[in-house]
């Protein structure tokens, strides 16, 4: 029997890189999920707020190496609905103004 004491060594660079990669993937998945949720909420409530939030979260997920296509598409759909809504309101207001003159 040897009288040597086991001293745990700090993680090597390969283990640290693996853990950092796993953490980035988890954060990317979280951002992708948030982008999808914001996109879905934006279809029903305040698309001018939740559409851009979905796009920001989708971009963050992509930077972390996770695809967030669903959140990005829903974000753009939200923005399109918002633009269409603004156009409809402007046309209606112009129509009312023209008919009341």
C-alpha atoms as a PDB file:
ATOM      1  CA  UNK A   1       0.000   0.000   0.000  1.00  0.00           C
ATOM      2  CA  UNK A   2       1.202   3.344  -0.939  1.00  0.00           C
ATOM      3  CA  UNK A   3       0.857   6.333   1.306  1.00  0.00           C
ATOM      4  CA  UNK A   4      -0.133   8.676  -1.485  1.00  0.00           C
ATOM      5  CA  UNK A   5      -3.178  10.868  -1.139  1.00  0.00           C
ATOM      6  CA  UNK A   6      -5.522  11.325  -4.068  1.00  0.00           C
ATOM      7  CA  UNK A   7      -5.790  14.966  -4.994  1.00  0.00           C
ATOM      8  CA  UNK A   8      -8.490  15.695  -7.566  1.00  0.00           C
ATOM      9  CA  UNK A   9      -7.154  17.577 -10.549  1.00  0.00           C
ATOM     10  CA  UNK A  10      -9.015  20.538 -12.022  1.00  0.00           C
ATOM     11  CA  UNK A  11     -10.944  19.875 -15.169  1.00  0.00           C
ATOM     12  CA  UNK A  12      -8.936  19.774 -18.308  1.00  0.00           C
ATOM     13  CA  UNK A  13      -9.616  22.089 -21.188  1.00  0.00           C
ATOM     14  CA  UNK A  14     -11.557  19.384 -23.077  1.00  0.00           C
ATOM     15  CA  UNK A  15     -13.986  18.910 -20.207  1.00  0.00           C
ATOM     16  CA  UNK A  16     -14.358  22.665 -19.717  1.00  0.00           C
ATOM     17  CA  UNK A  17     -15.014  23.146 -23.423  1.00  0.00           C
ATOM     18  CA  UNK A  18     -17.626  20.382 -23.359  1.00  0.00           C
ATOM     19  CA  UNK A  19     -19.394  21.938 -20.406  1.00  0.00           C
ATOM     20  CA  UNK A  20     -19.307  25.399 -22.012  1.00  0.00           C
ATOM     21  CA  UNK A  21     -20.727  23.944 -25.218  1.00  0.00           C
ATOM     22  CA  UNK A  22     -23.511  22.198 -23.290  1.00  0.00           C
ATOM     23  CA  UNK A  23     -24.357  25.405 -21.433  1.00  0.00           C
ATOM     24  CA  UNK A  24     -24.480  27.351 -24.709  1.00  0.00           C
ATOM     25  CA  UNK A  25     -26.778  24.718 -26.217  1.00  0.00           C
ATOM     26  CA  UNK A  26     -29.102  24.870 -23.210  1.00  0.00           C
ATOM     27  CA  UNK A  27     -29.215  28.672 -23.374  1.00  0.00           C
ATOM     28  CA  UNK A  28     -29.840  28.486 -27.118  1.00  0.00           C
ATOM     29  CA  UNK A  29     -32.711  26.049 -26.635  1.00  0.00           C
ATOM     30  CA  UNK A  30     -34.198  28.337 -23.998  1.00  0.00           C
ATOM     31  CA  UNK A  31     -33.953  31.335 -26.345  1.00  0.00           C
ATOM     32  CA  UNK A  32     -35.496  29.310 -29.206  1.00  0.00           C
ATOM     33  CA  UNK A  33     -38.390  28.261 -26.979  1.00  0.00           C
ATOM     34  CA  UNK A  34     -38.923  31.848 -25.837  1.00  0.00           C
ATOM     35  CA  UNK A  35     -38.907  33.027 -29.462  1.00  0.00           C
ATOM     36  CA  UNK A  36     -41.610  30.514 -30.319  1.00  0.00           C
ATOM     37  CA  UNK A  37     -43.718  31.480 -27.298  1.00  0.00           C
ATOM     38  CA  UNK A  38     -43.373  35.200 -28.065  1.00  0.00           C
ATOM     39  CA  UNK A  39     -44.323  34.532 -31.682  1.00  0.00           C
ATOM     40  CA  UNK A  40     -47.443  32.620 -30.673  1.00  0.00           C
ATOM     41  CA  UNK A  41     -48.485  35.244 -28.123  1.00  0.00           C
ATOM     42  CA  UNK A  42     -47.951  37.925 -30.765  1.00  0.00           C
ATOM     43  CA  UNK A  43     -50.540  36.283 -33.004  1.00  0.00           C
ATOM     44  CA  UNK A  44     -53.207  37.112 -30.425  1.00  0.00           C
ATOM     45  CA  UNK A  45     -51.927  39.983 -28.286  1.00  0.00           C
ATOM     46  CA  UNK A  46     -49.807  43.035 -29.199  1.00  0.00           C
ATOM     47  CA  UNK A  47     -47.946  41.806 -32.291  1.00  0.00           C
ATOM     48  CA  UNK A  48     -45.973  45.081 -32.369  1.00  0.00           C
ATOM     49  CA  UNK A  49     -44.352  44.048 -29.073  1.00  0.00           C
ATOM     50  CA  UNK A  50     -44.093  40.280 -29.265  1.00  0.00           C
ATOM     51  CA  UNK A  51     -43.052  40.075 -32.937  1.00  0.00           C
ATOM     52  CA  UNK A  52     -39.776  41.949 -32.427  1.00  0.00           C
ATOM     53  CA  UNK A  53     -39.188  40.080 -29.149  1.00  0.00           C
ATOM     54  CA  UNK A  54     -39.522  36.793 -31.033  1.00  0.00           C
ATOM     55  CA  UNK A  55     -36.981  37.990 -33.600  1.00  0.00           C
ATOM     56  CA  UNK A  56     -34.513  39.086 -30.921  1.00  0.00           C
ATOM     57  CA  UNK A  57     -34.754  35.742 -29.115  1.00  0.00           C
ATOM     58  CA  UNK A  58     -34.426  33.832 -32.403  1.00  0.00           C
ATOM     59  CA  UNK A  59     -31.261  35.769 -33.215  1.00  0.00           C
ATOM     60  CA  UNK A  60     -29.863  35.002 -29.758  1.00  0.00           C
ATOM     61  CA  UNK A  61     -30.595  31.298 -30.244  1.00  0.00           C
ATOM     62  CA  UNK A  62     -28.863  31.338 -33.634  1.00  0.00           C
ATOM     63  CA  UNK A  63     -25.778  32.985 -32.119  1.00  0.00           C
ATOM     64  CA  UNK A  64     -25.655  30.117 -29.635  1.00  0.00           C
ATOM     65  CA  UNK A  65     -25.844  27.567 -32.431  1.00  0.00           C
ATOM     66  CA  UNK A  66     -29.503  26.559 -32.076  1.00  0.00           C
ATOM     67  CA  UNK A  67     -31.973  26.922 -34.927  1.00  0.00           C
ATOM     68  CA  UNK A  68     -35.020  29.036 -34.066  1.00  0.00           C
ATOM     69  CA  UNK A  69     -36.806  29.046 -37.402  1.00  0.00           C
ATOM     70  CA  UNK A  70     -40.288  28.738 -35.911  1.00  0.00           C
ATOM     71  CA  UNK A  71     -39.805  31.738 -33.643  1.00  0.00           C
ATOM     72  CA  UNK A  72     -38.318  33.802 -36.475  1.00  0.00           C
ATOM     73  CA  UNK A  73     -41.176  32.989 -38.861  1.00  0.00           C
ATOM     74  CA  UNK A  74     -43.818  33.709 -36.228  1.00  0.00           C
ATOM     75  CA  UNK A  75     -42.093  36.992 -35.380  1.00  0.00           C
ATOM     76  CA  UNK A  76     -42.221  38.100 -39.014  1.00  0.00           C
ATOM     77  CA  UNK A  77     -45.858  37.022 -39.265  1.00  0.00           C
ATOM     78  CA  UNK A  78     -46.626  39.133 -36.185  1.00  0.00           C
ATOM     79  CA  UNK A  79     -44.915  42.131 -37.761  1.00  0.00           C
ATOM     80  CA  UNK A  80     -46.810  41.569 -41.028  1.00  0.00           C
ATOM     81  CA  UNK A  81     -50.119  41.470 -39.143  1.00  0.00           C
ATOM     82  CA  UNK A  82     -49.188  44.703 -37.411  1.00  0.00           C
ATOM     83  CA  UNK A  83     -48.355  46.427 -40.707  1.00  0.00           C
ATOM     84  CA  UNK A  84     -51.569  45.147 -42.294  1.00  0.00           C
ATOM     85  CA  UNK A  85     -53.524  46.416 -39.288  1.00  0.00           C
ATOM     86  CA  UNK A  86     -51.978  49.876 -39.571  1.00  0.00           C
ATOM     87  CA  UNK A  87     -52.747  50.005 -43.311  1.00  0.00           C
ATOM     88  CA  UNK A  88     -56.370  48.968 -42.689  1.00  0.00           C
ATOM     89  CA  UNK A  89     -56.807  51.650 -40.010  1.00  0.00           C
ATOM     90  CA  UNK A  90     -55.310  54.340 -42.264  1.00  0.00           C
ATOM     91  CA  UNK A  91     -57.558  53.318 -45.173  1.00  0.00           C
ATOM     92  CA  UNK A  92     -60.637  53.299 -42.932  1.00  0.00           C
ATOM     93  CA  UNK A  93     -59.785  56.705 -41.489  1.00  0.00           C
ATOM     94  CA  UNK A  94     -59.226  58.105 -44.978  1.00  0.00           C
ATOM     95  CA  UNK A  95     -62.540  56.639 -46.097  1.00  0.00           C
ATOM     96  CA  UNK A  96     -64.394  58.131 -43.151  1.00  0.00           C
ATOM     97  CA  UNK A  97     -62.735  61.500 -43.707  1.00  0.00           C
ATOM     98  CA  UNK A  98     -63.637  61.473 -47.406  1.00  0.00           C
ATOM     99  CA  UNK A  99     -67.257  60.455 -46.765  1.00  0.00           C
ATOM    100  CA  UNK A 100     -67.852  63.061 -44.067  1.00  0.00           C
ATOM    101  CA  UNK A 101     -66.684  65.982 -46.260  1.00  0.00           C
END
